[in-house]
Amino acid sequence: MKKILFSFALFLAIVTTHAQSAPDFSKYPLNNEKNTRAADATALQAANFLLKTPINFKEADRKSSIAFLIKWMEASPDYTFSLDNSMIILDDDDVNYSALYIAAMAKYQIENKVYESTDDSKVQTWKIIAEYVANPNNNIKVKGKIKKLVEANEKNKLEEFLNKV
């Protein structure tokens, strides 16, 4: 019985450690459509890494995840991503905030097979961001427009808030 419990605890430790590491992006060249499609799951993994770790955690891994996501988004033959004026909600002086938007957009569209950005995907992207920034463990200063975003999400008025931005 002790061996089973030890094995289970070891498994959980490995899974938890692995979940908080960025993949080795050098294994995924984005030099053609086939390779880029093969990297869809890795792009999702990069997005999840960014959205599951605090903003100041493993900075080198966060930067490589951001860089990979941007390259993948540009190269993807299947997915189209659109940025709009709602980006002003984020502190544009901090690349980490913009990275949250990119990660949330990629995560939602990949998981839901949404191949082009839509009004609904925009709302869902901001919902993911609002939930991330509302978590105090992620070290985000919740003030100004970001605070209003979190409040709108908590009141289920996110779409109305975004229409006013």
N, C-alpha and C. Protein backbone atom coordinates (compact mmCIF):
# COMPACT_ATOMS: atom_id res chain seq x y z
N MET A 1 0.82 -1.19 0.00
CA MET A 1 0.00 0.00 0.00
C MET A 1 0.87 1.26 0.00
N LYS A 2 1.96 1.22 0.79
CA LYS A 2 2.84 2.37 0.85
C LYS A 2 3.48 2.64 -0.50
N LYS A 3 3.82 1.56 -1.23
CA LYS A 3 4.42 1.71 -2.55
C LYS A 3 3.45 2.38 -3.52
N ILE A 4 2.18 2.02 -3.42
CA ILE A 4 1.17 2.62 -4.30
C ILE A 4 1.03 4.10 -3.99
N LEU A 5 0.95 4.43 -2.70
CA LEU A 5 0.83 5.84 -2.31
C LEU A 5 2.07 6.64 -2.73
N PHE A 6 3.25 6.04 -2.54
CA PHE A 6 4.48 6.71 -2.94
C PHE A 6 4.51 6.92 -4.45
N SER A 7 4.13 5.90 -5.20
CA SER A 7 4.10 6.00 -6.66
C SER A 7 3.14 7.08 -7.12
N PHE A 8 1.97 7.13 -6.49
CA PHE A 8 0.99 8.14 -6.83
C PHE A 8 1.51 9.55 -6.52
N ALA A 9 2.13 9.71 -5.36
CA ALA A 9 2.69 11.01 -4.98
C ALA A 9 3.81 11.43 -5.94
N LEU A 10 4.64 10.48 -6.33
CA LEU A 10 5.71 10.76 -7.29
C LEU A 10 5.12 11.16 -8.64
N PHE A 11 4.10 10.45 -9.09
CA PHE A 11 3.43 10.78 -10.35
C PHE A 11 2.88 12.21 -10.30
N LEU A 12 2.20 12.57 -9.21
CA LEU A 12 1.66 13.92 -9.08
C LEU A 12 2.76 14.98 -9.10
N ALA A 13 3.86 14.70 -8.45
CA ALA A 13 4.98 15.64 -8.43
C ALA A 13 5.55 15.84 -9.82
N ILE A 14 5.67 14.77 -10.58
CA ILE A 14 6.20 14.86 -11.94
C ILE A 14 5.24 15.63 -12.84
N VAL A 15 3.95 15.33 -12.74
CA VAL A 15 2.95 16.00 -13.56
C VAL A 15 2.92 17.49 -13.23
N THR A 16 2.94 17.83 -11.94
CA THR A 16 2.92 19.22 -11.53
C THR A 16 4.16 19.95 -12.00
N THR A 17 5.31 19.36 -11.87
CA THR A 17 6.55 19.98 -12.32
C THR A 17 6.53 20.16 -13.83
N HIS A 18 6.09 19.14 -14.55
CA HIS A 18 6.04 19.22 -16.01
C HIS A 18 5.05 20.27 -16.47
N ALA A 19 3.95 20.43 -15.76
CA ALA A 19 2.92 21.39 -16.16
C ALA A 19 3.41 22.82 -16.04
N GLN A 20 4.45 23.05 -15.25
CA GLN A 20 4.94 24.40 -15.08
C GLN A 20 6.27 24.61 -15.79
N SER A 21 6.47 23.91 -16.88
CA SER A 21 7.65 24.09 -17.71
C SER A 21 7.21 24.32 -19.14
N ALA A 22 7.93 25.19 -19.80
CA ALA A 22 7.65 25.43 -21.22
C ALA A 22 8.27 24.30 -22.02
N PRO A 23 7.64 23.95 -23.14
CA PRO A 23 8.21 22.90 -23.99
C PRO A 23 9.50 23.37 -24.65
N ASP A 24 10.23 22.46 -25.22
CA ASP A 24 11.42 22.79 -26.00
C ASP A 24 10.95 23.17 -27.40
N PHE A 25 10.83 24.47 -27.64
CA PHE A 25 10.25 24.95 -28.88
C PHE A 25 11.14 24.71 -30.10
N SER A 26 12.42 24.44 -29.88
CA SER A 26 13.31 24.19 -31.01
C SER A 26 12.94 22.90 -31.75
N LYS A 27 12.16 22.05 -31.12
CA LYS A 27 11.71 20.80 -31.75
C LYS A 27 10.55 21.03 -32.72
N TYR A 28 10.07 22.26 -32.79
CA TYR A 28 8.90 22.56 -33.60
C TYR A 28 9.19 23.69 -34.59
N PRO A 29 9.86 23.36 -35.68
CA PRO A 29 10.12 24.40 -36.69
C PRO A 29 8.81 24.78 -37.37
N LEU A 30 8.61 26.06 -37.55
CA LEU A 30 7.38 26.54 -38.16
C LEU A 30 7.66 26.99 -39.59
N ASN A 31 8.35 26.13 -40.33
CA ASN A 31 8.83 26.50 -41.65
C ASN A 31 7.92 26.08 -42.79
N ASN A 32 6.84 25.37 -42.49
CA ASN A 32 5.88 25.03 -43.54
C ASN A 32 4.53 24.70 -42.87
N GLU A 33 3.49 24.54 -43.70
CA GLU A 33 2.15 24.31 -43.16
C GLU A 33 2.06 23.03 -42.34
N LYS A 34 2.69 21.97 -42.81
CA LYS A 34 2.64 20.68 -42.10
C LYS A 34 3.25 20.80 -40.70
N ASN A 35 4.43 21.41 -40.62
CA ASN A 35 5.09 21.57 -39.32
C ASN A 35 4.30 22.50 -38.40
N THR A 36 3.71 23.53 -38.98
CA THR A 36 2.94 24.47 -38.17
C THR A 36 1.69 23.80 -37.63
N ARG A 37 1.02 23.02 -38.45
CA ARG A 37 -0.16 22.27 -37.96
C ARG A 37 0.25 21.28 -36.87
N ALA A 38 1.39 20.66 -37.05
CA ALA A 38 1.87 19.70 -36.05
C ALA A 38 2.19 20.39 -34.72
N ALA A 39 2.40 21.69 -34.76
CA ALA A 39 2.75 22.45 -33.56
C ALA A 39 1.53 23.06 -32.87
N ASP A 40 0.32 22.80 -33.37
CA ASP A 40 -0.88 23.35 -32.74
C ASP A 40 -0.96 22.99 -31.26
N ALA A 41 -0.72 21.74 -30.95
CA ALA A 41 -0.79 21.30 -29.55
C ALA A 41 0.29 21.95 -28.70
N THR A 42 1.43 22.21 -29.30
CA THR A 42 2.52 22.87 -28.58
C THR A 42 2.17 24.34 -28.34
N ALA A 43 1.50 24.95 -29.30
CA ALA A 43 1.04 26.33 -29.12
C ALA A 43 0.05 26.40 -27.96
N LEU A 44 -0.84 25.42 -27.88
CA LEU A 44 -1.78 25.37 -26.76
C LEU A 44 -1.04 25.17 -25.45
N GLN A 45 -0.03 24.33 -25.46
CA GLN A 45 0.77 24.10 -24.26
C GLN A 45 1.47 25.39 -23.83
N ALA A 46 2.00 26.14 -24.79
CA ALA A 46 2.65 27.42 -24.48
C ALA A 46 1.65 28.41 -23.89
N ALA A 47 0.46 28.47 -24.48
CA ALA A 47 -0.58 29.36 -23.98
C ALA A 47 -0.98 28.97 -22.56
N ASN A 48 -1.17 27.69 -22.33
CA ASN A 48 -1.54 27.23 -20.99
C ASN A 48 -0.44 27.52 -19.98
N PHE A 49 0.81 27.36 -20.39
CA PHE A 49 1.92 27.68 -19.49
C PHE A 49 1.84 29.14 -19.06
N LEU A 50 1.63 30.03 -20.02
CA LEU A 50 1.56 31.47 -19.71
C LEU A 50 0.37 31.79 -18.81
N LEU A 51 -0.72 31.08 -18.99
CA LEU A 51 -1.95 31.37 -18.25
C LEU A 51 -2.06 30.60 -16.93
N LYS A 52 -1.12 29.71 -16.66
CA LYS A 52 -1.16 28.94 -15.41
C LYS A 52 0.00 29.28 -14.48
N THR A 53 0.84 30.21 -14.89
CA THR A 53 1.97 30.58 -14.05
C THR A 53 1.92 32.08 -13.76
N PRO A 54 2.42 32.49 -12.61
CA PRO A 54 2.45 33.92 -12.29
C PRO A 54 3.27 34.70 -13.32
N ILE A 55 2.93 35.95 -13.46
CA ILE A 55 3.53 36.78 -14.50
C ILE A 55 5.04 36.94 -14.34
N ASN A 56 5.55 36.77 -13.14
CA ASN A 56 6.99 36.91 -12.92
C ASN A 56 7.68 35.57 -12.66
N PHE A 57 7.06 34.48 -13.08
CA PHE A 57 7.56 33.13 -12.85
C PHE A 57 8.33 32.65 -14.07
N LYS A 58 9.52 32.10 -13.86
CA LYS A 58 10.33 31.54 -14.95
C LYS A 58 10.32 32.45 -16.18
N GLU A 59 10.91 33.61 -15.99
CA GLU A 59 10.86 34.64 -17.03
C GLU A 59 11.39 34.17 -18.38
N ALA A 60 12.46 33.40 -18.40
CA ALA A 60 13.01 32.91 -19.67
C ALA A 60 12.01 31.99 -20.37
N ASP A 61 11.34 31.12 -19.62
CA ASP A 61 10.33 30.23 -20.20
C ASP A 61 9.13 31.03 -20.71
N ARG A 62 8.76 32.06 -19.97
CA ARG A 62 7.64 32.90 -20.41
C ARG A 62 7.99 33.61 -21.72
N LYS A 63 9.20 34.14 -21.80
CA LYS A 63 9.61 34.85 -23.02
C LYS A 63 9.66 33.90 -24.21
N SER A 64 10.18 32.70 -24.02
CA SER A 64 10.25 31.76 -25.14
C SER A 64 8.84 31.29 -25.54
N SER A 65 7.95 31.17 -24.57
CA SER A 65 6.56 30.80 -24.88
C SER A 65 5.87 31.90 -25.67
N ILE A 66 6.09 33.14 -25.28
CA ILE A 66 5.50 34.27 -25.99
C ILE A 66 6.02 34.31 -27.43
N ALA A 67 7.34 34.20 -27.57
CA ALA A 67 7.95 34.26 -28.91
C ALA A 67 7.42 33.13 -29.79
N PHE A 68 7.32 31.92 -29.24
CA PHE A 68 6.81 30.80 -30.02
C PHE A 68 5.36 31.04 -30.43
N LEU A 69 4.54 31.50 -29.50
CA LEU A 69 3.13 31.74 -29.82
C LEU A 69 2.97 32.76 -30.95
N ILE A 70 3.73 33.83 -30.87
CA ILE A 70 3.65 34.86 -31.91
C ILE A 70 4.04 34.27 -33.27
N LYS A 71 5.13 33.53 -33.31
CA LYS A 71 5.56 32.90 -34.57
C LYS A 71 4.53 31.91 -35.07
N TRP A 72 3.98 31.11 -34.17
CA TRP A 72 2.98 30.13 -34.56
C TRP A 72 1.73 30.83 -35.10
N MET A 73 1.28 31.88 -34.42
CA MET A 73 0.09 32.60 -34.87
C MET A 73 0.28 33.19 -36.27
N GLU A 74 1.46 33.71 -36.52
CA GLU A 74 1.75 34.28 -37.84
C GLU A 74 1.82 33.19 -38.91
N ALA A 75 2.31 32.02 -38.56
CA ALA A 75 2.54 30.95 -39.53
C ALA A 75 1.33 30.03 -39.72
N SER A 76 0.40 30.03 -38.79
CA SER A 76 -0.70 29.07 -38.85
C SER A 76 -1.51 29.21 -40.13
N PRO A 77 -1.63 28.11 -40.86
CA PRO A 77 -2.45 28.14 -42.07
C PRO A 77 -3.96 28.00 -41.76
N ASP A 78 -4.28 27.61 -40.54
CA ASP A 78 -5.67 27.32 -40.19
C ASP A 78 -6.33 28.40 -39.33
N TYR A 79 -5.57 29.01 -38.45
CA TYR A 79 -6.13 29.97 -37.51
C TYR A 79 -5.79 31.39 -37.93
N THR A 80 -6.77 32.28 -37.75
CA THR A 80 -6.57 33.70 -37.99
C THR A 80 -6.89 34.43 -36.69
N PHE A 81 -5.99 35.29 -36.28
CA PHE A 81 -6.14 36.01 -35.02
C PHE A 81 -6.21 37.50 -35.30
N SER A 82 -7.18 38.16 -34.66
CA SER A 82 -7.35 39.59 -34.88
C SER A 82 -7.23 40.35 -33.57
N LEU A 83 -6.43 41.37 -33.60
CA LEU A 83 -6.31 42.28 -32.46
C LEU A 83 -7.23 43.46 -32.72
N ASP A 84 -7.77 44.02 -31.66
CA ASP A 84 -8.64 45.18 -31.84
C ASP A 84 -8.37 46.21 -30.76
N ASN A 85 -9.19 47.25 -30.74
CA ASN A 85 -8.95 48.35 -29.81
C ASN A 85 -9.18 47.97 -28.35
N SER A 86 -9.74 46.81 -28.08
CA SER A 86 -9.94 46.40 -26.68
C SER A 86 -8.60 46.17 -25.97
N MET A 87 -7.54 46.07 -26.74
CA MET A 87 -6.20 45.89 -26.15
C MET A 87 -5.83 47.06 -25.22
N ILE A 88 -6.51 48.20 -25.35
CA ILE A 88 -6.19 49.35 -24.49
C ILE A 88 -6.50 49.06 -23.02
N ILE A 89 -7.25 48.00 -22.77
CA ILE A 89 -7.53 47.61 -21.39
C ILE A 89 -6.24 47.26 -20.66
N LEU A 90 -5.31 46.68 -21.40
CA LEU A 90 -4.05 46.22 -20.81
C LEU A 90 -3.02 47.33 -20.76
N ASP A 91 -2.11 47.21 -19.85
CA ASP A 91 -0.99 48.13 -19.74
C ASP A 91 -0.04 47.86 -20.90
N ASP A 92 -0.08 48.71 -21.92
CA ASP A 92 0.71 48.44 -23.11
C ASP A 92 2.21 48.68 -22.93
N ASP A 93 2.62 49.14 -21.76
CA ASP A 93 4.04 49.29 -21.49
C ASP A 93 4.68 47.99 -21.01
N ASP A 94 3.86 47.01 -20.72
CA ASP A 94 4.36 45.74 -20.18
C ASP A 94 4.03 44.61 -21.14
N VAL A 95 5.05 44.01 -21.71
CA VAL A 95 4.87 42.93 -22.69
C VAL A 95 4.15 41.74 -22.07
N ASN A 96 4.26 41.56 -20.76
CA ASN A 96 3.58 40.44 -20.10
C ASN A 96 2.07 40.54 -20.22
N TYR A 97 1.54 41.75 -20.18
CA TYR A 97 0.10 41.93 -20.31
C TYR A 97 -0.37 41.60 -21.74
N SER A 98 0.37 42.05 -22.71
CA SER A 98 0.03 41.72 -24.10
C SER A 98 0.14 40.22 -24.33
N ALA A 99 1.09 39.60 -23.68
CA ALA A 99 1.27 38.15 -23.80
C ALA A 99 0.04 37.41 -23.28
N LEU A 100 -0.59 37.94 -22.24
CA LEU A 100 -1.80 37.31 -21.72
C LEU A 100 -2.89 37.30 -22.78
N TYR A 101 -3.02 38.40 -23.50
CA TYR A 101 -4.03 38.48 -24.55
C TYR A 101 -3.74 37.46 -25.65
N ILE A 102 -2.51 37.41 -26.07
CA ILE A 102 -2.11 36.47 -27.12
C ILE A 102 -2.34 35.04 -26.66
N ALA A 103 -1.95 34.73 -25.44
CA ALA A 103 -2.11 33.38 -24.91
C ALA A 103 -3.58 33.01 -24.77
N ALA A 104 -4.38 33.93 -24.25
CA ALA A 104 -5.81 33.65 -24.06
C ALA A 104 -6.51 33.45 -25.40
N MET A 105 -6.15 34.27 -26.38
CA MET A 105 -6.75 34.16 -27.71
C MET A 105 -6.40 32.80 -28.33
N ALA A 106 -5.13 32.44 -28.28
CA ALA A 106 -4.70 31.16 -28.84
C ALA A 106 -5.37 30.00 -28.11
N LYS A 107 -5.38 30.05 -26.80
CA LYS A 107 -5.99 28.98 -26.00
C LYS A 107 -7.45 28.78 -26.39
N TYR A 108 -8.22 29.85 -26.41
CA TYR A 108 -9.64 29.72 -26.70
C TYR A 108 -9.86 29.18 -28.12
N GLN A 109 -9.18 29.76 -29.08
CA GLN A 109 -9.42 29.36 -30.45
C GLN A 109 -8.96 27.93 -30.74
N ILE A 110 -7.84 27.51 -30.18
CA ILE A 110 -7.37 26.14 -30.41
C ILE A 110 -8.30 25.14 -29.72
N GLU A 111 -8.60 25.38 -28.46
CA GLU A 111 -9.44 24.43 -27.71
C GLU A 111 -10.84 24.30 -28.31
N ASN A 112 -11.35 25.37 -28.89
CA ASN A 112 -12.71 25.37 -29.40
C ASN A 112 -12.79 25.29 -30.92
N LYS A 113 -11.63 25.09 -31.55
CA LYS A 113 -11.57 24.98 -33.02
C LYS A 113 -12.25 26.17 -33.69
N VAL A 114 -11.96 27.36 -33.17
CA VAL A 114 -12.45 28.60 -33.77
C VAL A 114 -11.32 29.10 -34.66
N TYR A 115 -11.51 29.02 -35.96
CA TYR A 115 -10.42 29.29 -36.89
C TYR A 115 -10.24 30.76 -37.23
N GLU A 116 -11.25 31.58 -36.96
CA GLU A 116 -11.13 33.02 -37.15
C GLU A 116 -11.66 33.71 -35.91
N SER A 117 -11.02 34.81 -35.54
CA SER A 117 -11.50 35.58 -34.40
C SER A 117 -12.92 36.08 -34.68
N THR A 118 -13.77 35.97 -33.68
CA THR A 118 -15.15 36.43 -33.78
C THR A 118 -15.45 37.30 -32.56
N ASP A 119 -16.63 37.89 -32.54
CA ASP A 119 -17.03 38.67 -31.36
C ASP A 119 -17.09 37.77 -30.13
N ASP A 120 -17.60 36.55 -30.31
CA ASP A 120 -17.68 35.61 -29.19
C ASP A 120 -16.29 35.21 -28.71
N SER A 121 -15.38 34.94 -29.63
CA SER A 121 -14.02 34.56 -29.21
C SER A 121 -13.34 35.71 -28.49
N LYS A 122 -13.64 36.94 -28.88
CA LYS A 122 -13.09 38.11 -28.19
C LYS A 122 -13.57 38.13 -26.73
N VAL A 123 -14.86 37.93 -26.53
CA VAL A 123 -15.41 37.92 -25.16
C VAL A 123 -14.79 36.79 -24.35
N GLN A 124 -14.67 35.62 -24.94
CA GLN A 124 -14.10 34.47 -24.24
C GLN A 124 -12.62 34.68 -23.92
N THR A 125 -11.92 35.35 -24.84
CA THR A 125 -10.51 35.68 -24.59
C THR A 125 -10.39 36.58 -23.37
N TRP A 126 -11.23 37.60 -23.31
CA TRP A 126 -11.18 38.52 -22.18
C TRP A 126 -11.63 37.86 -20.88
N LYS A 127 -12.52 36.90 -20.98
CA LYS A 127 -12.94 36.15 -19.79
C LYS A 127 -11.75 35.38 -19.21
N ILE A 128 -10.99 34.75 -20.07
CA ILE A 128 -9.79 34.02 -19.63
C ILE A 128 -8.82 34.99 -18.95
N ILE A 129 -8.63 36.15 -19.55
CA ILE A 129 -7.71 37.15 -18.99
C ILE A 129 -8.23 37.65 -17.65
N ALA A 130 -9.52 37.95 -17.57
CA ALA A 130 -10.11 38.45 -16.32
C ALA A 130 -9.92 37.45 -15.19
N GLU A 131 -10.10 36.18 -15.48
CA GLU A 131 -9.92 35.15 -14.45
C GLU A 131 -8.46 35.05 -14.03
N TYR A 132 -7.56 35.21 -14.99
CA TYR A 132 -6.12 35.16 -14.67
C TYR A 132 -5.73 36.34 -13.78
N VAL A 133 -6.11 37.54 -14.16
CA VAL A 133 -5.68 38.72 -13.40
C VAL A 133 -6.38 38.82 -12.04
N ALA A 134 -7.55 38.21 -11.91
CA ALA A 134 -8.26 38.24 -10.63
C ALA A 134 -7.58 37.37 -9.58
N ASN A 135 -6.76 36.44 -10.01
CA ASN A 135 -6.05 35.56 -9.09
C ASN A 135 -4.84 36.29 -8.52
N PRO A 136 -4.86 36.60 -7.22
CA PRO A 136 -3.75 37.36 -6.63
C PRO A 136 -2.39 36.65 -6.72
N ASN A 137 -2.40 35.34 -6.89
CA ASN A 137 -1.14 34.60 -7.01
C ASN A 137 -0.40 34.89 -8.31
N ASN A 138 -1.08 35.51 -9.27
CA ASN A 138 -0.45 35.79 -10.57
C ASN A 138 0.26 37.14 -10.62
N ASN A 139 0.26 37.86 -9.51
CA ASN A 139 1.04 39.09 -9.35
C ASN A 139 0.69 40.18 -10.36
N ILE A 140 -0.59 40.37 -10.63
CA ILE A 140 -1.05 41.43 -11.53
C ILE A 140 -1.60 42.56 -10.67
N LYS A 141 -1.21 43.77 -11.00
CA LYS A 141 -1.78 44.94 -10.33
C LYS A 141 -3.16 45.18 -10.93
N VAL A 142 -4.18 44.91 -10.14
CA VAL A 142 -5.56 45.05 -10.61
C VAL A 142 -6.01 46.47 -10.30
N LYS A 143 -5.87 47.33 -11.32
CA LYS A 143 -6.25 48.73 -11.17
C LYS A 143 -6.71 49.25 -12.53
N GLY A 144 -7.35 50.39 -12.49
CA GLY A 144 -7.79 51.03 -13.73
C GLY A 144 -8.71 50.16 -14.55
N LYS A 145 -8.43 50.08 -15.84
CA LYS A 145 -9.28 49.32 -16.77
C LYS A 145 -9.25 47.83 -16.48
N ILE A 146 -8.13 47.35 -15.98
CA ILE A 146 -8.04 45.92 -15.64
C ILE A 146 -8.99 45.61 -14.48
N LYS A 147 -9.08 46.50 -13.53
CA LYS A 147 -10.00 46.31 -12.41
C LYS A 147 -11.45 46.31 -12.90
N LYS A 148 -11.76 47.20 -13.83
CA LYS A 148 -13.11 47.25 -14.39
C LYS A 148 -13.42 45.98 -15.19
N LEU A 149 -12.41 45.44 -15.86
CA LEU A 149 -12.57 44.19 -16.59
C LEU A 149 -12.94 43.06 -15.63
N VAL A 150 -12.20 42.94 -14.54
CA VAL A 150 -12.46 41.89 -13.55
C VAL A 150 -13.85 42.04 -12.96
N GLU A 151 -14.22 43.28 -12.63
CA GLU A 151 -15.54 43.53 -12.05
C GLU A 151 -16.65 43.16 -13.04
N ALA A 152 -16.48 43.53 -14.30
CA ALA A 152 -17.48 43.20 -15.32
C ALA A 152 -17.61 41.69 -15.48
N ASN A 153 -16.49 40.99 -15.44
CA ASN A 153 -16.54 39.53 -15.55
C ASN A 153 -17.26 38.92 -14.36
N GLU A 154 -16.98 39.41 -13.18
CA GLU A 154 -17.62 38.88 -11.97
C GLU A 154 -19.12 39.13 -11.97
N LYS A 155 -19.56 40.20 -12.62
CA LYS A 155 -20.98 40.55 -12.70
C LYS A 155 -21.65 39.98 -13.96
N ASN A 156 -20.91 39.16 -14.71
CA ASN A 156 -21.40 38.61 -15.98
C ASN A 156 -21.83 39.71 -16.95
N LYS A 157 -21.07 40.79 -16.97
CA LYS A 157 -21.36 41.91 -17.86
C LYS A 157 -20.14 42.21 -18.73
N LEU A 158 -19.39 41.18 -19.03
CA LEU A 158 -18.15 41.35 -19.78
C LEU A 158 -18.41 41.89 -21.19
N GLU A 159 -19.39 41.34 -21.87
CA GLU A 159 -19.69 41.79 -23.23
C GLU A 159 -20.09 43.27 -23.25
N GLU A 160 -20.90 43.68 -22.29
CA GLU A 160 -21.29 45.09 -22.20
C GLU A 160 -20.08 45.98 -21.96
N PHE A 161 -19.21 45.55 -21.07
CA PHE A 161 -17.98 46.31 -20.78
C PHE A 161 -17.11 46.45 -22.03
N LEU A 162 -16.95 45.37 -22.76
CA LEU A 162 -16.11 45.39 -23.95
C LEU A 162 -16.70 46.28 -25.05
N ASN A 163 -18.01 46.35 -25.13
CA ASN A 163 -18.65 47.20 -26.13
C ASN A 163 -18.43 48.69 -25.84
N LYS A 164 -18.13 49.01 -24.59
CA LYS A 164 -17.90 50.41 -24.20
C LYS A 164 -16.45 50.83 -24.37
N VAL A 165 -15.57 49.86 -24.54
CA VAL A 165 -14.12 50.16 -24.65
C VAL A 165 -13.83 50.77 -25.99
